[in-house]
Amino acid sequence: MLYDEYGVIREQEIRESIEAGEVIEEYHKDKPYPSFLIFGKTKANRPLHIVCAVVEPEKTLAIITVYQPNPERWINYRGRKR
Protein backbone atom coordinates (compact mmCIF):
# COMPACT_ATOMS: atom_id res chain seq x y z
CA MET A 1 0.00 0.00 0.00
CA LEU A 2 1.28 3.47 -0.89
CA TYR A 3 0.18 6.93 0.14
CA ASP A 4 0.09 10.24 -1.70
CA GLU A 5 -1.59 13.57 -1.00
CA TYR A 6 -4.94 12.07 -2.10
CA GLY A 7 -4.72 9.06 0.20
CA VAL A 8 -3.99 5.37 -0.14
CA ILE A 9 -2.96 3.85 -3.48
CA ARG A 10 -3.50 0.10 -3.48
CA GLU A 11 -1.48 -2.45 -5.44
CA GLN A 12 -4.59 -3.51 -7.37
CA GLU A 13 -5.11 0.09 -8.50
CA ILE A 14 -1.55 0.21 -9.80
CA ARG A 15 -2.08 -3.01 -11.75
CA GLU A 16 -5.37 -1.75 -13.21
CA SER A 17 -3.79 1.55 -14.26
CA ILE A 18 -0.82 -0.12 -15.94
CA GLU A 19 -3.03 -2.59 -17.80
CA ALA A 20 -5.36 0.16 -19.07
CA GLY A 21 -2.66 2.80 -19.38
CA GLU A 22 -0.61 4.52 -22.02
CA VAL A 23 2.96 5.82 -22.04
CA ILE A 24 2.80 9.62 -22.03
CA GLU A 25 6.49 10.48 -21.44
CA GLU A 26 9.79 8.67 -21.93
CA TYR A 27 13.02 9.33 -20.08
CA HIS A 28 15.68 7.68 -22.24
CA LYS A 29 18.62 9.07 -20.27
CA ASP A 30 17.52 7.80 -16.84
CA LYS A 31 19.98 5.53 -15.06
CA PRO A 32 20.41 2.69 -14.41
CA TYR A 33 17.54 2.00 -16.87
CA PRO A 34 15.53 4.22 -19.18
CA SER A 35 12.12 4.89 -17.67
CA PHE A 36 8.71 6.09 -18.78
CA LEU A 37 5.55 7.64 -17.37
CA ILE A 38 2.28 5.74 -17.71
CA PHE A 39 -1.10 7.41 -17.35
CA GLY A 40 -3.93 5.03 -16.60
CA LYS A 41 -7.20 4.88 -14.75
CA THR A 42 -8.38 2.30 -12.27
CA LYS A 43 -11.63 0.40 -12.73
CA ALA A 44 -13.12 3.00 -10.36
CA ASN A 45 -11.95 5.73 -12.81
CA ARG A 46 -9.17 7.03 -10.53
CA PRO A 47 -6.33 8.58 -12.57
CA LEU A 48 -2.79 7.48 -11.70
CA HIS A 49 0.68 8.27 -12.99
CA ILE A 50 3.25 5.50 -12.69
CA VAL A 51 6.93 5.93 -13.47
CA CYS A 52 8.43 2.57 -14.48
CA ALA A 53 11.56 1.06 -15.95
CA VAL A 54 12.01 -2.26 -17.71
CA VAL A 55 14.88 -4.17 -16.11
CA GLU A 56 16.11 -6.15 -19.10
CA PRO A 57 18.38 -8.70 -17.38
CA GLU A 58 15.52 -9.88 -15.15
CA LYS A 59 12.71 -9.06 -17.62
CA THR A 60 10.80 -7.28 -14.87
CA LEU A 61 9.04 -3.96 -14.53
CA ALA A 62 10.40 -1.72 -11.78
CA ILE A 63 7.83 0.66 -10.34
CA ILE A 64 9.68 3.84 -9.38
CA THR A 65 6.92 6.28 -8.44
CA VAL A 66 3.12 6.19 -8.25
CA TYR A 67 0.88 9.17 -7.64
CA GLN A 68 -2.52 10.61 -8.44
CA PRO A 69 -1.82 13.58 -10.71
CA ASN A 70 -2.97 17.03 -9.66
CA PRO A 71 -5.45 18.26 -12.31
CA GLU A 72 -4.16 21.81 -11.82
CA ARG A 73 -0.76 20.72 -13.19
CA TRP A 74 -1.89 18.45 -16.05
CA ILE A 75 -4.07 18.79 -19.16
CA ASN A 76 -6.32 15.70 -19.24
CA TYR A 77 -3.65 14.05 -17.07
CA ARG A 78 -1.55 13.56 -20.24
CA GLY A 79 0.24 16.84 -20.84
CA ARG A 80 1.93 19.19 -18.42
CA LYS A 81 0.51 22.67 -18.03
CA ARG A 82 3.02 25.45 -18.49
PDB file of N, CA and C in Angstrom:
ATOM      1  N   MET A   1       0.831  -1.157   0.000  1.00  0.00           N
ATOM      2  CA  MET A   1       0.000   0.000   0.000  1.00  0.00           C
ATOM      3  C   MET A   1       0.893   1.242   0.000  1.00  0.00           C
ATOM      4  N   LEU A   2       0.544   2.220  -0.817  1.00  0.00           N
ATOM      5  CA  LEU A   2       1.284   3.469  -0.893  1.00  0.00           C
ATOM      6  C   LEU A   2       0.365   4.620  -0.523  1.00  0.00           C
ATOM      7  N   TYR A   3       0.961   5.748  -0.198  1.00  0.00           N
ATOM      8  CA  TYR A   3       0.184   6.933   0.136  1.00  0.00           C
ATOM      9  C   TYR A   3       0.666   8.115  -0.694  1.00  0.00           C
ATOM     10  N   ASP A   4      -0.265   8.968  -1.116  1.00  0.00           N
ATOM     11  CA  ASP A   4       0.093  10.243  -1.705  1.00  0.00           C
ATOM     12  C   ASP A   4      -0.817  11.292  -1.093  1.00  0.00           C
ATOM     13  N   GLU A   5      -0.797  12.505  -1.606  1.00  0.00           N
ATOM     14  CA  GLU A   5      -1.589  13.573  -0.996  1.00  0.00           C
ATOM     15  C   GLU A   5      -3.096  13.325  -1.089  1.00  0.00           C
ATOM     16  N   TYR A   6      -3.521  12.393  -1.950  1.00  0.00           N
ATOM     17  CA  TYR A   6      -4.937  12.066  -2.103  1.00  0.00           C
ATOM     18  C   TYR A   6      -5.342  10.842  -1.288  1.00  0.00           C
ATOM     19  N   GLY A   7      -4.399  10.212  -0.626  1.00  0.00           N
ATOM     20  CA  GLY A   7      -4.722   9.061   0.204  1.00  0.00           C
ATOM     21  C   GLY A   7      -3.981   7.804  -0.214  1.00  0.00           C
ATOM     22  N   VAL A   8      -4.587   6.681   0.093  1.00  0.00           N
ATOM     23  CA  VAL A   8      -3.987   5.368  -0.140  1.00  0.00           C
ATOM     24  C   VAL A   8      -4.063   5.003  -1.618  1.00  0.00           C
ATOM     25  N   ILE A   9      -2.981   4.437  -2.134  1.00  0.00           N
ATOM     26  CA  ILE A   9      -2.964   3.849  -3.476  1.00  0.00           C
ATOM     27  C   ILE A   9      -2.689   2.369  -3.277  1.00  0.00           C
ATOM     28  N   ARG A  10      -3.615   1.546  -3.690  1.00  0.00           N
ATOM     29  CA  ARG A  10      -3.502   0.098  -3.480  1.00  0.00           C
ATOM     30  C   ARG A  10      -2.806  -0.575  -4.673  1.00  0.00           C
ATOM     31  N   GLU A  11      -2.185  -1.703  -4.394  1.00  0.00           N
ATOM     32  CA  GLU A  11      -1.478  -2.452  -5.440  1.00  0.00           C
ATOM     33  C   GLU A  11      -2.408  -2.794  -6.600  1.00  0.00           C
ATOM     34  N   GLN A  12      -3.639  -3.175  -6.306  1.00  0.00           N
ATOM     35  CA  GLN A  12      -4.589  -3.511  -7.367  1.00  0.00           C
ATOM     36  C   GLN A  12      -4.862  -2.312  -8.274  1.00  0.00           C
ATOM     37  N   GLU A  13      -4.904  -1.116  -7.698  1.00  0.00           N
ATOM     38  CA  GLU A  13      -5.113   0.095  -8.503  1.00  0.00           C
ATOM     39  C   GLU A  13      -3.931   0.338  -9.438  1.00  0.00           C
ATOM     40  N   ILE A  14      -2.740   0.055  -8.962  1.00  0.00           N
ATOM     41  CA  ILE A  14      -1.549   0.205  -9.801  1.00  0.00           C
ATOM     42  C   ILE A  14      -1.611  -0.768 -10.971  1.00  0.00           C
ATOM     43  N   ARG A  15      -1.961  -2.006 -10.692  1.00  0.00           N
ATOM     44  CA  ARG A  15      -2.084  -3.014 -11.754  1.00  0.00           C
ATOM     45  C   ARG A  15      -3.134  -2.601 -12.789  1.00  0.00           C
ATOM     46  N   GLU A  16      -4.291  -2.167 -12.311  1.00  0.00           N
ATOM     47  CA  GLU A  16      -5.373  -1.755 -13.214  1.00  0.00           C
ATOM     48  C   GLU A  16      -4.928  -0.586 -14.093  1.00  0.00           C
ATOM     49  N   SER A  17      -4.230   0.373 -13.510  1.00  0.00           N
ATOM     50  CA  SER A  17      -3.789   1.546 -14.257  1.00  0.00           C
ATOM     51  C   SER A  17      -2.743   1.199 -15.305  1.00  0.00           C
ATOM     52  N   ILE A  18      -1.831   0.302 -14.961  1.00  0.00           N
ATOM     53  CA  ILE A  18      -0.817  -0.117 -15.936  1.00  0.00           C
ATOM     54  C   ILE A  18      -1.478  -0.875 -17.084  1.00  0.00           C
ATOM     55  N   GLU A  19      -2.369  -1.790 -16.765  1.00  0.00           N
ATOM     56  CA  GLU A  19      -3.029  -2.590 -17.799  1.00  0.00           C
ATOM     57  C   GLU A  19      -3.854  -1.735 -18.753  1.00  0.00           C
ATOM     58  N   ALA A  20      -4.508  -0.700 -18.244  1.00  0.00           N
ATOM     59  CA  ALA A  20      -5.364   0.161 -19.073  1.00  0.00           C
ATOM     60  C   ALA A  20      -4.626   1.398 -19.559  1.00  0.00           C
ATOM     61  N   GLY A  21      -3.362   1.547 -19.174  1.00  0.00           N
ATOM     62  CA  GLY A  21      -2.660   2.802 -19.380  1.00  0.00           C
ATOM     63  C   GLY A  21      -1.971   2.972 -20.712  1.00  0.00           C
ATOM     64  N   GLU A  22      -1.369   4.158 -20.826  1.00  0.00           N
ATOM     65  CA  GLU A  22      -0.606   4.517 -22.022  1.00  0.00           C
ATOM     66  C   GLU A  22       0.643   5.272 -21.572  1.00  0.00           C
ATOM     67  N   VAL A  23       1.722   5.100 -22.325  1.00  0.00           N
ATOM     68  CA  VAL A  23       2.960   5.821 -22.044  1.00  0.00           C
ATOM     69  C   VAL A  23       2.776   7.248 -22.542  1.00  0.00           C
ATOM     70  N   ILE A  24       2.973   8.219 -21.631  1.00  0.00           N
ATOM     71  CA  ILE A  24       2.801   9.620 -22.034  1.00  0.00           C
ATOM     72  C   ILE A  24       4.120  10.400 -22.041  1.00  0.00           C
ATOM     73  N   GLU A  25       5.150   9.875 -21.402  1.00  0.00           N
ATOM     74  CA  GLU A  25       6.485  10.482 -21.443  1.00  0.00           C
ATOM     75  C   GLU A  25       7.521   9.372 -21.358  1.00  0.00           C
ATOM     76  N   GLU A  26       8.682   9.615 -21.995  1.00  0.00           N
ATOM     77  CA  GLU A  26       9.786   8.666 -21.932  1.00  0.00           C
ATOM     78  C   GLU A  26      11.038   9.396 -21.481  1.00  0.00           C
ATOM     79  N   TYR A  27      11.798   8.753 -20.623  1.00  0.00           N
ATOM     80  CA  TYR A  27      13.020   9.333 -20.081  1.00  0.00           C
ATOM     81  C   TYR A  27      14.189   8.423 -20.456  1.00  0.00           C
ATOM     82  N   HIS A  28      14.659   8.570 -21.680  1.00  0.00           N
ATOM     83  CA  HIS A  28      15.676   7.681 -22.243  1.00  0.00           C
ATOM     84  C   HIS A  28      17.019   7.756 -21.516  1.00  0.00           C
ATOM     85  N   LYS A  29      17.311   8.888 -20.895  1.00  0.00           N
ATOM     86  CA  LYS A  29      18.622   9.070 -20.267  1.00  0.00           C
ATOM     87  C   LYS A  29      18.653   8.670 -18.795  1.00  0.00           C
ATOM     88  N   ASP A  30      17.539   8.222 -18.244  1.00  0.00           N
ATOM     89  CA  ASP A  30      17.517   7.799 -16.839  1.00  0.00           C
ATOM     90  C   ASP A  30      18.462   6.625 -16.614  1.00  0.00           C
ATOM     91  N   LYS A  31      19.054   6.593 -15.448  1.00  0.00           N
ATOM     92  CA  LYS A  31      19.979   5.525 -15.062  1.00  0.00           C
ATOM     93  C   LYS A  31      19.454   4.862 -13.793  1.00  0.00           C
ATOM     94  N   PRO A  32      19.637   3.614 -13.593  1.00  0.00           N
ATOM     95  CA  PRO A  32      20.415   2.692 -14.412  1.00  0.00           C
ATOM     96  C   PRO A  32      19.657   2.169 -15.634  1.00  0.00           C
ATOM     97  N   TYR A  33      18.332   2.447 -15.718  1.00  0.00           N
ATOM     98  CA  TYR A  33      17.544   1.996 -16.865  1.00  0.00           C
ATOM     99  C   TYR A  33      16.680   3.137 -17.368  1.00  0.00           C
ATOM    100  N   PRO A  34      16.468   3.228 -18.660  1.00  0.00           N
ATOM    101  CA  PRO A  34      15.533   4.223 -19.176  1.00  0.00           C
ATOM    102  C   PRO A  34      14.149   3.978 -18.555  1.00  0.00           C
ATOM    103  N   SER A  35      13.432   5.046 -18.293  1.00  0.00           N
ATOM    104  CA  SER A  35      12.120   4.893 -17.671  1.00  0.00           C
ATOM    105  C   SER A  35      11.056   5.613 -18.494  1.00  0.00           C
ATOM    106  N   PHE A  36       9.821   5.471 -18.063  1.00  0.00           N
ATOM    107  CA  PHE A  36       8.709   6.094 -18.777  1.00  0.00           C
ATOM    108  C   PHE A  36       7.567   6.330 -17.811  1.00  0.00           C
ATOM    109  N   LEU A  37       6.703   7.269 -18.183  1.00  0.00           N
ATOM    110  CA  LEU A  37       5.552   7.639 -17.370  1.00  0.00           C
ATOM    111  C   LEU A  37       4.292   7.079 -18.018  1.00  0.00           C
ATOM    112  N   ILE A  38       3.552   6.305 -17.253  1.00  0.00           N
ATOM    113  CA  ILE A  38       2.283   5.740 -17.709  1.00  0.00           C
ATOM    114  C   ILE A  38       1.144   6.524 -17.070  1.00  0.00           C
ATOM    115  N   PHE A  39       0.158   6.888 -17.880  1.00  0.00           N
ATOM    116  CA  PHE A  39      -1.096   7.414 -17.350  1.00  0.00           C
ATOM    117  C   PHE A  39      -2.148   6.341 -17.565  1.00  0.00           C
ATOM    118  N   GLY A  40      -2.845   5.999 -16.497  1.00  0.00           N
ATOM    119  CA  GLY A  40      -3.934   5.034 -16.598  1.00  0.00           C
ATOM    120  C   GLY A  40      -4.980   5.323 -15.550  1.00  0.00           C
ATOM    121  N   LYS A  41      -6.123   4.725 -15.727  1.00  0.00           N
ATOM    122  CA  LYS A  41      -7.202   4.876 -14.755  1.00  0.00           C
ATOM    123  C   LYS A  41      -7.556   3.511 -14.187  1.00  0.00           C
ATOM    124  N   THR A  42      -7.939   3.528 -12.925  1.00  0.00           N
ATOM    125  CA  THR A  42      -8.376   2.303 -12.272  1.00  0.00           C
ATOM    126  C   THR A  42      -9.784   1.960 -12.757  1.00  0.00           C
ATOM    127  N   LYS A  43     -10.256   0.794 -12.379  1.00  0.00           N
ATOM    128  CA  LYS A  43     -11.626   0.405 -12.733  1.00  0.00           C
ATOM    129  C   LYS A  43     -12.639   1.356 -12.106  1.00  0.00           C
ATOM    130  N   ALA A  44     -12.255   2.016 -11.021  1.00  0.00           N
ATOM    131  CA  ALA A  44     -13.118   3.004 -10.361  1.00  0.00           C
ATOM    132  C   ALA A  44     -12.922   4.400 -10.958  1.00  0.00           C
ATOM    133  N   ASN A  45     -12.168   4.483 -12.066  1.00  0.00           N
ATOM    134  CA  ASN A  45     -11.946   5.730 -12.811  1.00  0.00           C
ATOM    135  C   ASN A  45     -11.000   6.700 -12.090  1.00  0.00           C
ATOM    136  N   ARG A  46     -10.159   6.206 -11.206  1.00  0.00           N
ATOM    137  CA  ARG A  46      -9.171   7.034 -10.527  1.00  0.00           C
ATOM    138  C   ARG A  46      -7.945   7.181 -11.420  1.00  0.00           C
ATOM    139  N   PRO A  47      -7.517   8.409 -11.734  1.00  0.00           N
ATOM    140  CA  PRO A  47      -6.329   8.585 -12.569  1.00  0.00           C
ATOM    141  C   PRO A  47      -5.056   8.360 -11.752  1.00  0.00           C
ATOM    142  N   LEU A  48      -4.093   7.671 -12.346  1.00  0.00           N
ATOM    143  CA  LEU A  48      -2.792   7.476 -11.698  1.00  0.00           C
ATOM    144  C   LEU A  48      -1.677   7.686 -12.714  1.00  0.00           C
ATOM    145  N   HIS A  49      -0.565   8.201 -12.231  1.00  0.00           N
ATOM    146  CA  HIS A  49       0.677   8.269 -12.987  1.00  0.00           C
ATOM    147  C   HIS A  49       1.637   7.290 -12.344  1.00  0.00           C
ATOM    148  N   ILE A  50       2.309   6.505 -13.174  1.00  0.00           N
ATOM    149  CA  ILE A  50       3.246   5.497 -12.691  1.00  0.00           C
ATOM    150  C   ILE A  50       4.531   5.619 -13.494  1.00  0.00           C
ATOM    151  N   VAL A  51       5.630   5.896 -12.820  1.00  0.00           N
ATOM    152  CA  VAL A  51       6.931   5.927 -13.472  1.00  0.00           C
ATOM    153  C   VAL A  51       7.548   4.543 -13.314  1.00  0.00           C
ATOM    154  N   CYS A  52       7.931   3.945 -14.450  1.00  0.00           N
ATOM    155  CA  CYS A  52       8.431   2.567 -14.483  1.00  0.00           C
ATOM    156  C   CYS A  52       9.703   2.485 -15.310  1.00  0.00           C
ATOM    157  N   ALA A  53      10.413   1.395 -15.118  1.00  0.00           N
ATOM    158  CA  ALA A  53      11.563   1.059 -15.952  1.00  0.00           C
ATOM    159  C   ALA A  53      11.556  -0.439 -16.184  1.00  0.00           C
ATOM    160  N   VAL A  54      11.886  -0.840 -17.398  1.00  0.00           N
ATOM    161  CA  VAL A  54      12.012  -2.260 -17.708  1.00  0.00           C
ATOM    162  C   VAL A  54      13.447  -2.676 -17.372  1.00  0.00           C
ATOM    163  N   VAL A  55      13.570  -3.657 -16.496  1.00  0.00           N
ATOM    164  CA  VAL A  55      14.882  -4.173 -16.107  1.00  0.00           C
ATOM    165  C   VAL A  55      15.148  -5.373 -17.006  1.00  0.00           C
ATOM    166  N   GLU A  56      15.897  -5.134 -18.059  1.00  0.00           N
ATOM    167  CA  GLU A  56      16.109  -6.151 -19.098  1.00  0.00           C
ATOM    168  C   GLU A  56      16.713  -7.462 -18.589  1.00  0.00           C
ATOM    169  N   PRO A  57      17.784  -7.421 -17.782  1.00  0.00           N
ATOM    170  CA  PRO A  57      18.377  -8.705 -17.383  1.00  0.00           C
ATOM    171  C   PRO A  57      17.378  -9.634 -16.682  1.00  0.00           C
ATOM    172  N   GLU A  58      16.495  -9.056 -15.870  1.00  0.00           N
ATOM    173  CA  GLU A  58      15.524  -9.876 -15.146  1.00  0.00           C
ATOM    174  C   GLU A  58      14.163  -9.942 -15.837  1.00  0.00           C
ATOM    175  N   LYS A  59      13.992  -9.142 -16.903  1.00  0.00           N
ATOM    176  CA  LYS A  59      12.713  -9.060 -17.617  1.00  0.00           C
ATOM    177  C   LYS A  59      11.565  -8.743 -16.657  1.00  0.00           C
ATOM    178  N   THR A  60      11.812  -7.722 -15.834  1.00  0.00           N
ATOM    179  CA  THR A  60      10.804  -7.282 -14.875  1.00  0.00           C
ATOM    180  C   THR A  60      10.524  -5.794 -15.064  1.00  0.00           C
ATOM    181  N   LEU A  61       9.418  -5.359 -14.497  1.00  0.00           N
ATOM    182  CA  LEU A  61       9.042  -3.960 -14.533  1.00  0.00           C
ATOM    183  C   LEU A  61       9.276  -3.381 -13.141  1.00  0.00           C
ATOM    184  N   ALA A  62      10.139  -2.385 -13.058  1.00  0.00           N
ATOM    185  CA  ALA A  62      10.403  -1.720 -11.783  1.00  0.00           C
ATOM    186  C   ALA A  62       9.478  -0.514 -11.673  1.00  0.00           C
ATOM    187  N   ILE A  63       8.701  -0.476 -10.614  1.00  0.00           N
ATOM    188  CA  ILE A  63       7.832   0.660 -10.344  1.00  0.00           C
ATOM    189  C   ILE A  63       8.652   1.648  -9.521  1.00  0.00           C
ATOM    190  N   ILE A  64       8.840   2.843 -10.039  1.00  0.00           N
ATOM    191  CA  ILE A  64       9.676   3.835  -9.379  1.00  0.00           C
ATOM    192  C   ILE A  64       8.834   4.793  -8.538  1.00  0.00           C
ATOM    193  N   THR A  65       7.774   5.316  -9.121  1.00  0.00           N
ATOM    194  CA  THR A  65       6.918   6.281  -8.438  1.00  0.00           C
ATOM    195  C   THR A  65       5.480   6.080  -8.884  1.00  0.00           C
ATOM    196  N   VAL A  66       4.558   6.248  -7.944  1.00  0.00           N
ATOM    197  CA  VAL A  66       3.124   6.185  -8.245  1.00  0.00           C
ATOM    198  C   VAL A  66       2.451   7.351  -7.538  1.00  0.00           C
ATOM    199  N   TYR A  67       1.613   8.070  -8.269  1.00  0.00           N
ATOM    200  CA  TYR A  67       0.882   9.166  -7.640  1.00  0.00           C
ATOM    201  C   TYR A  67      -0.385   9.477  -8.431  1.00  0.00           C
ATOM    202  N   GLN A  68      -1.314  10.116  -7.767  1.00  0.00           N
ATOM    203  CA  GLN A  68      -2.515  10.605  -8.437  1.00  0.00           C
ATOM    204  C   GLN A  68      -2.198  12.020  -8.898  1.00  0.00           C
ATOM    205  N   PRO A  69      -2.231  12.275 -10.210  1.00  0.00           N
ATOM    206  CA  PRO A  69      -1.824  13.583 -10.708  1.00  0.00           C
ATOM    207  C   PRO A  69      -2.784  14.697 -10.293  1.00  0.00           C
ATOM    208  N   ASN A  70      -2.197  15.850 -10.014  1.00  0.00           N
ATOM    209  CA  ASN A  70      -2.966  17.031  -9.663  1.00  0.00           C
ATOM    210  C   ASN A  70      -3.542  17.636 -10.941  1.00  0.00           C
ATOM    211  N   PRO A  71      -4.862  17.742 -11.073  1.00  0.00           N
ATOM    212  CA  PRO A  71      -5.453  18.265 -12.309  1.00  0.00           C
ATOM    213  C   PRO A  71      -5.072  19.717 -12.599  1.00  0.00           C
ATOM    214  N   GLU A  72      -4.598  20.439 -11.600  1.00  0.00           N
ATOM    215  CA  GLU A  72      -4.157  21.815 -11.820  1.00  0.00           C
ATOM    216  C   GLU A  72      -2.803  21.879 -12.528  1.00  0.00           C
ATOM    217  N   ARG A  73      -2.095  20.757 -12.579  1.00  0.00           N
ATOM    218  CA  ARG A  73      -0.763  20.717 -13.190  1.00  0.00           C
ATOM    219  C   ARG A  73      -0.724  19.936 -14.502  1.00  0.00           C
ATOM    220  N   TRP A  74      -1.855  19.299 -14.869  1.00  0.00           N
ATOM    221  CA  TRP A  74      -1.895  18.446 -16.053  1.00  0.00           C
ATOM    222  C   TRP A  74      -3.112  18.767 -16.915  1.00  0.00           C
ATOM    223  N   ILE A  75      -2.965  18.662 -18.209  1.00  0.00           N
ATOM    224  CA  ILE A  75      -4.068  18.787 -19.161  1.00  0.00           C
ATOM    225  C   ILE A  75      -4.531  17.371 -19.458  1.00  0.00           C
ATOM    226  N   ASN A  76      -5.760  17.050 -19.070  1.00  0.00           N
ATOM    227  CA  ASN A  76      -6.317  15.697 -19.239  1.00  0.00           C
ATOM    228  C   ASN A  76      -5.382  14.617 -18.695  1.00  0.00           C
ATOM    229  N   TYR A  77      -4.593  14.961 -17.723  1.00  0.00           N
ATOM    230  CA  TYR A  77      -3.645  14.052 -17.073  1.00  0.00           C
ATOM    231  C   TYR A  77      -2.562  13.534 -18.022  1.00  0.00           C
ATOM    232  N   ARG A  78      -2.503  14.063 -19.249  1.00  0.00           N
ATOM    233  CA  ARG A  78      -1.550  13.557 -20.236  1.00  0.00           C
ATOM    234  C   ARG A  78      -0.459  14.556 -20.589  1.00  0.00           C
ATOM    235  N   GLY A  79      -0.740  15.819 -20.486  1.00  0.00           N
ATOM    236  CA  GLY A  79       0.244  16.841 -20.839  1.00  0.00           C
ATOM    237  C   GLY A  79       0.420  17.836 -19.711  1.00  0.00           C
ATOM    238  N   ARG A  80       1.642  18.246 -19.504  1.00  0.00           N
ATOM    239  CA  ARG A  80       1.934  19.190 -18.422  1.00  0.00           C
ATOM    240  C   ARG A  80       1.474  20.594 -18.795  1.00  0.00           C
ATOM    241  N   LYS A  81       0.868  21.270 -17.833  1.00  0.00           N
ATOM    242  CA  LYS A  81       0.511  22.672 -18.026  1.00  0.00           C
ATOM    243  C   LYS A  81       1.766  23.512 -17.860  1.00  0.00           C
ATOM    244  N   ARG A  82       1.829  24.567 -18.570  1.00  0.00           N
ATOM    245  CA  ARG A  82       3.019  25.454 -18.491  1.00  0.00           C
ATOM    246  C   ARG A  82       2.817  26.547 -17.498  1.00  0.00           C
TER     247      ARG A  82
END
